[in-house]
N, C-alpha and C. Protein backbone atom coordinates (compact mmCIF):
# COMPACT_ATOMS: atom_id res chain seq x y z
N MET A 1 119.86 69.29 18.15
CA MET A 1 119.64 69.49 19.42
C MET A 1 120.80 69.40 19.80
N ASN A 2 121.38 70.03 20.89
CA ASN A 2 122.47 69.70 21.73
C ASN A 2 121.91 68.72 23.00
N PHE A 3 122.59 67.55 23.13
CA PHE A 3 122.68 66.75 24.08
C PHE A 3 123.57 66.76 25.24
N MET A 4 124.71 67.67 25.52
CA MET A 4 126.04 68.14 26.15
C MET A 4 125.32 69.14 27.05
N ARG A 5 124.27 69.68 27.91
CA ARG A 5 123.64 70.52 28.57
C ARG A 5 123.46 70.21 29.66
N PRO A 6 123.77 71.29 30.75
CA PRO A 6 123.37 71.37 32.26
C PRO A 6 122.17 70.76 32.48
N ILE A 7 120.91 71.01 31.59
CA ILE A 7 119.89 70.36 31.56
C ILE A 7 119.11 70.15 30.39
N ARG A 8 118.75 68.54 30.62
CA ARG A 8 118.46 67.79 29.03
C ARG A 8 116.93 67.66 28.97
N PRO A 9 115.89 67.67 28.16
CA PRO A 9 115.16 66.84 27.97
C PRO A 9 115.29 65.42 27.57
N LYS A 10 114.51 64.80 28.12
CA LYS A 10 114.73 63.11 27.93
C LYS A 10 113.15 62.50 27.81
N ARG A 11 113.27 61.02 26.73
CA ARG A 11 112.26 60.85 26.69
C ARG A 11 113.29 59.00 26.67
N VAL A 12 112.57 58.24 27.03
CA VAL A 12 113.18 56.51 27.16
C VAL A 12 113.36 56.10 25.65
N THR A 13 114.00 55.91 24.85
CA THR A 13 114.36 55.31 23.34
C THR A 13 113.80 53.91 23.18
N ARG A 14 113.34 53.78 22.27
CA ARG A 14 112.66 52.04 21.44
C ARG A 14 114.37 51.73 20.99
N ARG A 15 114.02 50.17 20.82
CA ARG A 15 115.37 49.63 20.28
C ARG A 15 115.61 50.51 19.01
N GLY A 16 116.74 51.23 18.94
CA GLY A 16 117.52 51.22 17.22
C GLY A 16 116.81 53.16 17.31
N GLU A 17 116.34 54.05 18.25
CA GLU A 17 115.85 55.15 17.82
C GLU A 17 117.30 55.91 18.98
N THR A 18 117.26 57.19 18.06
CA THR A 18 117.90 58.32 18.49
C THR A 18 117.00 58.97 19.70
N PRO A 19 117.87 59.40 20.47
CA PRO A 19 116.92 60.79 21.56
C PRO A 19 116.26 61.42 21.11
N SER A 20 116.90 61.85 20.11
CA SER A 20 116.11 62.94 19.39
C SER A 20 114.69 62.66 18.28
N ASP A 21 114.80 61.16 18.36
CA ASP A 21 113.49 60.95 17.14
C ASP A 21 112.40 60.65 18.34
N ALA A 22 113.41 60.21 19.68
CA ALA A 22 112.36 59.72 21.15
C ALA A 22 111.91 60.83 21.01
N LEU A 23 111.98 61.81 21.26
CA LEU A 23 111.48 63.26 21.76
C LEU A 23 110.28 63.86 20.56
N LEU A 24 111.02 63.53 19.52
CA LEU A 24 110.09 64.06 18.48
C LEU A 24 109.00 63.08 18.37
N ARG A 25 109.03 61.91 18.47
CA ARG A 25 108.08 60.77 18.89
C ARG A 25 106.61 60.80 19.54
N GLY A 26 107.54 61.49 21.36
CA GLY A 26 106.47 61.72 22.23
C GLY A 26 106.79 62.80 23.27
N GLY A 27 107.28 63.22 22.56
CA GLY A 27 108.00 64.63 23.75
C GLY A 27 108.86 64.21 24.84
N ILE A 28 108.63 65.14 25.83
CA ILE A 28 109.56 64.96 26.52
C ILE A 28 108.97 64.34 27.71
N GLU A 29 109.72 63.53 28.51
CA GLU A 29 109.01 62.35 29.56
C GLU A 29 109.28 62.92 30.58
N TYR A 30 111.03 63.20 30.51
CA TYR A 30 111.41 63.75 32.24
C TYR A 30 112.80 64.73 31.76
N ILE A 31 112.75 65.27 32.67
CA ILE A 31 114.05 66.00 32.65
C ILE A 31 115.18 65.75 33.65
N GLU A 32 116.39 65.83 33.30
CA GLU A 32 117.87 65.32 33.63
C GLU A 32 118.45 66.07 34.12
N VAL A 33 118.32 66.90 35.18
CA VAL A 33 119.28 67.59 35.64
C VAL A 33 121.26 67.10 35.77
N ARG A 34 121.42 67.92 35.05
CA ARG A 34 123.44 67.13 35.19
C ARG A 34 124.14 68.16 36.00
N SER A 35 123.62 69.67 36.71
CA SER A 35 124.40 69.93 37.39
C SER A 35 124.26 70.53 38.80
N LEU A 36 124.78 69.49 39.25
CA LEU A 36 123.99 69.94 40.61
C LEU A 36 125.32 68.33 41.42
N ASP A 37 126.17 69.12 42.01
CA ASP A 37 126.96 68.65 43.27
C ASP A 37 126.39 67.45 44.16
N ILE A 38 126.83 66.26 44.58
CA ILE A 38 126.13 65.09 45.35
C ILE A 38 126.41 65.59 46.51
N ASN A 39 125.31 64.74 47.41
CA ASN A 39 125.64 64.91 48.69
C ASN A 39 126.29 64.06 49.56
N PRO A 40 126.89 64.15 50.27
CA PRO A 40 128.09 63.44 50.43
C PRO A 40 127.50 62.72 51.76
N PHE A 41 126.59 62.96 52.16
CA PHE A 41 126.30 62.54 53.34
C PHE A 41 124.51 61.55 52.86
N SER A 42 124.61 61.27 51.85
CA SER A 42 123.80 60.66 51.00
C SER A 42 124.45 59.39 51.27
N PRO A 43 124.21 58.31 50.99
CA PRO A 43 124.55 57.06 50.40
C PRO A 43 124.10 56.98 48.82
N ILE A 44 123.55 57.89 48.62
CA ILE A 44 123.32 57.52 47.13
C ILE A 44 123.70 58.99 46.67
N GLY A 45 123.68 59.82 47.17
CA GLY A 45 124.41 61.01 46.54
C GLY A 45 122.84 62.27 46.71
N VAL A 46 121.89 61.56 47.31
CA VAL A 46 121.02 62.57 46.80
C VAL A 46 119.94 62.46 47.92
N ASP A 47 119.58 62.95 48.40
CA ASP A 47 118.20 62.29 49.63
C ASP A 47 116.80 63.06 49.13
N ALA A 48 116.15 62.05 49.88
CA ALA A 48 114.57 62.48 49.26
C ALA A 48 113.90 63.76 49.13
N GLN A 49 114.71 64.78 50.98
CA GLN A 49 114.35 66.01 50.82
C GLN A 49 114.46 67.16 49.91
N GLN A 50 116.12 66.08 49.54
CA GLN A 50 116.39 67.60 47.97
C GLN A 50 115.78 66.96 46.69
N VAL A 51 116.01 66.24 46.63
CA VAL A 51 114.42 65.31 45.62
C VAL A 51 113.56 66.83 45.33
N ARG A 52 112.83 66.49 46.68
CA ARG A 52 111.62 66.66 46.80
C ARG A 52 111.83 68.72 46.11
N PHE A 53 112.66 69.13 46.66
CA PHE A 53 112.70 70.63 46.34
C PHE A 53 113.41 70.90 45.41
N LEU A 54 114.02 69.59 44.42
CA LEU A 54 114.51 69.99 43.29
C LEU A 54 112.91 69.99 42.35
N ASP A 55 112.06 68.78 42.55
CA ASP A 55 110.90 68.70 41.61
C ASP A 55 110.56 69.95 41.46
N LEU A 56 110.02 70.91 43.04
CA LEU A 56 109.39 71.90 42.89
C LEU A 56 109.98 72.88 42.08
N PHE A 57 111.02 73.45 42.77
CA PHE A 57 111.98 74.12 42.03
C PHE A 57 111.70 74.00 40.08
N MET A 58 112.25 73.55 39.88
CA MET A 58 112.12 72.62 38.49
C MET A 58 110.63 73.46 37.95
N VAL A 59 109.84 73.44 39.05
CA VAL A 59 108.37 73.33 38.34
C VAL A 59 107.74 74.99 38.06
N TRP A 60 108.55 75.20 39.74
CA TRP A 60 108.48 76.99 39.85
C TRP A 60 109.36 77.41 38.68
N CYS A 61 110.80 76.62 38.01
CA CYS A 61 111.12 78.11 36.97
C CYS A 61 110.48 77.58 35.83
N ALA A 62 109.90 77.00 35.86
CA ALA A 62 108.98 76.54 34.07
C ALA A 62 108.23 77.33 34.57
N LEU A 63 107.30 77.84 35.31
CA LEU A 63 106.20 78.60 35.66
C LEU A 63 106.28 80.03 36.07
N ALA A 64 107.55 80.85 36.26
CA ALA A 64 108.28 81.73 35.95
C ALA A 64 108.00 82.40 34.85
N ASP A 65 108.04 83.77 35.38
CA ASP A 65 107.96 84.69 34.00
C ASP A 65 109.49 85.11 33.85
N ALA A 66 110.39 84.37 32.86
CA ALA A 66 111.75 84.73 32.80
C ALA A 66 111.92 85.26 31.63
N PRO A 67 112.83 86.75 31.87
CA PRO A 67 112.63 87.79 30.23
C PRO A 67 113.86 87.20 29.67
N GLU A 68 113.98 87.24 28.51
CA GLU A 68 115.16 86.44 27.35
C GLU A 68 116.28 87.11 27.84
N MET A 69 117.58 86.18 27.93
CA MET A 69 118.86 87.07 28.34
C MET A 69 119.01 87.92 26.88
N SER A 70 120.33 88.84 27.35
CA SER A 70 120.40 89.36 26.25
C SER A 70 121.61 88.85 25.24
N SER A 71 122.59 89.21 24.84
CA SER A 71 123.86 88.42 24.09
C SER A 71 124.46 88.48 25.48
N ASP A 72 124.57 89.94 25.67
CA ASP A 72 125.99 89.87 27.24
C ASP A 72 125.78 88.88 28.02
N GLU A 73 124.95 88.83 28.55
CA GLU A 73 124.30 88.02 29.99
C GLU A 73 124.42 86.59 29.42
N LEU A 74 124.10 86.60 28.43
CA LEU A 74 124.30 84.73 27.74
C LEU A 74 126.34 84.47 28.52
N LEU A 75 126.84 85.01 27.52
CA LEU A 75 128.21 84.91 27.19
C LEU A 75 128.44 85.29 28.90
N CYS A 76 128.43 86.05 29.77
CA CYS A 76 128.96 85.70 30.62
C CYS A 76 128.42 85.10 31.89
N THR A 77 127.12 84.57 31.40
CA THR A 77 126.19 83.04 32.51
C THR A 77 127.89 81.99 31.74
N ARG A 78 127.79 81.88 30.31
CA ARG A 78 128.71 80.89 29.79
C ARG A 78 130.09 80.84 30.47
N THR A 79 130.46 82.21 30.65
CA THR A 79 131.71 82.14 30.93
C THR A 79 132.01 82.06 32.59
N ASN A 80 130.99 82.24 33.22
CA ASN A 80 131.16 81.92 34.50
C ASN A 80 130.83 80.21 34.83
N TRP A 81 130.52 79.93 33.89
CA TRP A 81 129.31 78.03 34.25
C TRP A 81 131.38 77.65 33.30
N ASN A 82 131.93 78.53 33.04
CA ASN A 82 133.27 77.31 32.57
C ASN A 82 134.13 77.39 33.80
N ARG A 83 134.29 78.85 34.34
CA ARG A 83 135.03 78.82 35.65
C ARG A 83 134.70 77.89 36.54
N VAL A 84 133.12 77.77 36.96
CA VAL A 84 133.10 76.98 38.03
C VAL A 84 133.21 75.54 38.05
N ILE A 85 133.52 75.27 36.73
CA ILE A 85 133.43 73.99 35.98
C ILE A 85 135.20 73.80 36.32
N LEU A 86 136.28 74.46 35.59
CA LEU A 86 137.26 74.31 35.47
C LEU A 86 137.71 74.89 37.19
N GLU A 87 137.50 75.89 37.79
CA GLU A 87 138.39 76.40 39.39
C GLU A 87 137.21 76.49 40.32
N GLY A 88 136.23 75.59 40.09
CA GLY A 88 134.82 75.90 40.87
C GLY A 88 135.44 75.53 42.65
N ARG A 89 136.55 75.22 42.34
CA ARG A 89 137.41 75.07 44.66
C ARG A 89 138.24 76.01 44.69
N LYS A 90 138.45 76.51 43.99
CA LYS A 90 139.91 77.40 43.89
C LYS A 90 139.29 78.87 44.97
N PRO A 91 140.71 78.98 45.54
CA PRO A 91 140.34 80.17 46.81
C PRO A 91 140.14 81.64 46.36
N GLY A 92 139.14 82.01 46.48
CA GLY A 92 138.62 83.66 45.76
C GLY A 92 138.75 83.65 44.43
N LEU A 93 137.78 82.46 43.83
CA LEU A 93 136.89 82.63 43.17
C LEU A 93 135.89 83.15 42.59
N THR A 94 136.38 84.49 41.12
CA THR A 94 135.45 85.42 41.05
C THR A 94 134.51 85.34 40.05
N LEU A 95 133.38 85.52 39.90
CA LEU A 95 132.25 85.29 39.05
C LEU A 95 131.62 86.76 37.90
N GLY A 96 131.86 86.53 36.93
CA GLY A 96 131.14 87.56 36.84
C GLY A 96 129.94 88.78 36.51
N LEU A 97 129.58 89.65 36.08
CA LEU A 97 128.14 90.04 36.22
C LEU A 97 128.04 90.99 35.37
N ALA A 98 126.88 90.08 34.06
CA ALA A 98 126.73 91.39 32.80
C ALA A 98 126.73 92.86 33.23
N ALA A 99 126.88 93.74 32.35
CA ALA A 99 126.53 95.09 32.94
C ALA A 99 125.09 95.51 33.05
N LYS A 100 124.30 94.99 31.64
CA LYS A 100 122.89 95.20 31.91
C LYS A 100 123.03 94.23 32.57
N ALA A 101 122.80 93.58 33.87
CA ALA A 101 122.20 92.72 34.45
C ALA A 101 122.13 93.31 35.53
N ARG A 102 123.04 94.48 36.13
CA ARG A 102 123.38 94.40 37.82
C ARG A 102 121.93 95.13 38.06
N SER A 103 121.50 96.09 37.43
CA SER A 103 120.56 96.74 38.80
C SER A 103 119.50 95.71 38.26
N SER A 104 118.48 95.11 37.43
CA SER A 104 117.36 95.05 36.99
C SER A 104 117.54 92.89 37.30
N ARG A 105 118.30 92.77 36.66
CA ARG A 105 118.00 90.95 36.91
C ARG A 105 118.73 90.45 38.36
N TRP A 106 119.91 91.14 38.80
CA TRP A 106 120.05 90.60 39.88
C TRP A 106 119.01 90.25 41.12
N LEU A 107 119.19 91.88 41.14
CA LEU A 107 117.91 92.64 42.14
C LEU A 107 117.15 91.73 42.15
N ARG A 108 116.44 91.32 41.22
CA ARG A 108 114.80 90.77 40.72
C ARG A 108 115.37 88.94 41.41
N TRP A 109 116.90 88.79 41.26
CA TRP A 109 117.14 87.28 41.21
C TRP A 109 116.75 87.18 43.07
N ALA A 110 117.62 87.91 43.58
CA ALA A 110 117.47 88.28 45.26
C ALA A 110 116.43 88.61 45.62
N LYS A 111 114.97 89.24 45.15
CA LYS A 111 113.90 89.64 45.76
C LYS A 111 113.33 88.14 45.62
N ILE A 112 113.13 87.17 44.44
CA ILE A 112 112.93 85.35 44.16
C ILE A 112 113.54 84.79 45.06
N CYS A 113 114.98 84.89 45.00
CA CYS A 113 115.42 83.60 46.10
C CYS A 113 114.84 84.32 47.55
N SER A 114 114.07 85.72 47.96
CA SER A 114 114.33 86.41 49.26
C SER A 114 112.85 85.69 49.33
N ALA A 115 111.84 85.46 48.53
CA ALA A 115 110.55 84.76 48.46
C ALA A 115 110.48 83.26 48.69
N ILE A 116 111.36 82.39 47.97
CA ILE A 116 111.60 81.45 47.89
C ILE A 116 111.99 80.59 49.03
N TYR A 117 113.41 81.56 49.87
CA TYR A 117 113.43 81.27 51.32
C TYR A 117 112.09 81.79 52.14
N ALA A 118 112.14 82.81 52.21
CA ALA A 118 110.83 82.70 53.27
C ALA A 118 109.38 82.14 53.19
N ALA A 119 109.02 81.46 51.53
CA ALA A 119 108.27 80.40 51.29
C ALA A 119 108.37 79.53 52.22
N TRP A 120 109.64 78.75 52.54
CA TRP A 120 110.19 77.72 52.47
C TRP A 120 110.72 77.54 54.00
N ARG A 121 110.17 78.86 54.90
CA ARG A 121 110.61 78.54 56.40
C ARG A 121 109.39 78.14 56.45
N ARG A 122 107.82 78.40 55.75
CA ARG A 122 106.51 78.22 56.75
C ARG A 122 106.66 76.36 56.05
N PRO A 123 104.93 76.06 57.32
CA PRO A 123 105.31 74.89 57.15
C PRO A 123 104.39 74.17 56.40
N TRP A 124 105.02 73.99 54.95
CA TRP A 124 104.13 73.70 53.66
C TRP A 124 104.07 71.75 53.69
N THR A 125 103.22 71.82 53.12
CA THR A 125 102.55 70.35 52.94
C THR A 125 102.69 70.06 51.66
N VAL A 126 102.68 68.77 51.38
CA VAL A 126 102.45 68.69 49.83
C VAL A 126 101.48 68.96 49.33
N SER A 127 100.48 68.67 49.84
CA SER A 127 98.82 69.56 48.95
C SER A 127 99.21 70.56 48.83
N THR A 128 99.30 71.72 50.23
CA THR A 128 99.45 73.18 50.05
C THR A 128 100.52 73.47 48.85
N VAL A 129 101.67 72.80 48.59
CA VAL A 129 102.34 72.87 47.68
C VAL A 129 101.63 72.76 46.30
N ALA A 130 101.04 71.63 46.38
CA ALA A 130 100.30 71.24 44.94
C ALA A 130 99.40 72.30 44.36
N ARG A 131 98.26 72.54 45.63
CA ARG A 131 97.34 73.56 45.40
C ARG A 131 98.49 75.28 44.58
N HIS A 132 99.50 75.44 45.87
CA HIS A 132 99.91 76.84 45.52
C HIS A 132 100.43 76.78 43.61
N ILE A 133 101.41 75.79 43.57
CA ILE A 133 101.38 75.84 41.78
C ILE A 133 100.41 75.55 41.12
N SER A 134 99.31 74.88 41.39
CA SER A 134 98.21 75.18 40.51
C SER A 134 97.41 76.29 39.94
N ARG A 135 97.56 76.64 41.31
CA ARG A 135 96.71 78.05 41.27
C ARG A 135 97.94 78.97 40.15
N SER A 136 99.24 78.84 40.49
CA SER A 136 100.26 79.79 40.00
C SER A 136 99.57 79.20 38.48
N ALA A 137 99.42 78.18 37.75
CA ALA A 137 99.66 77.13 36.41
C ALA A 137 98.54 77.96 35.77
N THR A 138 97.37 78.03 36.65
CA THR A 138 95.78 78.34 36.05
C THR A 138 95.69 79.51 35.26
N SER A 139 96.70 80.55 36.25
CA SER A 139 96.65 82.20 36.29
C SER A 139 97.67 82.32 35.47
N CYS A 140 98.37 81.12 34.82
CA CYS A 140 99.31 81.73 34.05
C CYS A 140 98.75 81.15 32.63
N TRP A 141 98.43 79.93 32.41
CA TRP A 141 97.97 79.31 31.51
C TRP A 141 96.39 78.32 31.60
N PRO A 142 95.64 79.61 31.92
CA PRO A 142 93.93 79.20 32.28
C PRO A 142 93.84 77.42 31.64
N ALA A 143 93.79 77.30 30.16
CA ALA A 143 93.56 75.89 29.32
C ALA A 143 94.82 74.57 30.27
N LEU A 144 95.59 75.40 30.94
CA LEU A 144 96.29 73.87 31.56
C LEU A 144 95.07 73.57 32.89
N THR A 145 95.38 72.03 32.55
CA THR A 145 94.67 70.50 33.79
C THR A 145 96.22 70.31 34.51
N ILE A 146 95.92 70.59 35.57
CA ILE A 146 97.15 70.29 36.98
C ILE A 146 96.14 69.12 37.79
N ARG A 147 96.47 67.46 37.35
CA ARG A 147 95.83 67.03 38.82
C ARG A 147 96.03 66.61 40.12
N ASN A 148 96.05 66.50 41.23
CA ASN A 148 96.62 66.28 42.12
C ASN A 148 96.95 64.58 42.39
């Protein structure tokens, strides 16, 4: 397992235990997201609103239907990732778009982003979001139980 990814499955290790062994022993305890910029306006680099959004967004990502990437899309994504890491502040930086993704995947993502934006403009409460996630999860996986 490669532990140098931007998003990593994690579990607290016991003394002398490797991260891989900890995951095999007890499964994923939490997800570490390493690909985020810090918030310069927060003394700790992130604020409560950002954490709540990321938490909900990660759940949505886990539940949303996502077709497997083609090898072209994967190569394009890795190339873009490296460009952002090495030249992220360069004025005029351009990112690639895999040819097969032009018409379908990017249009789909534009629709998804538009739907997320529209949803977040409504006055959501934590319980409303929890109900929405629970409804979505149980429609995808009827055997799954989510406790509020």
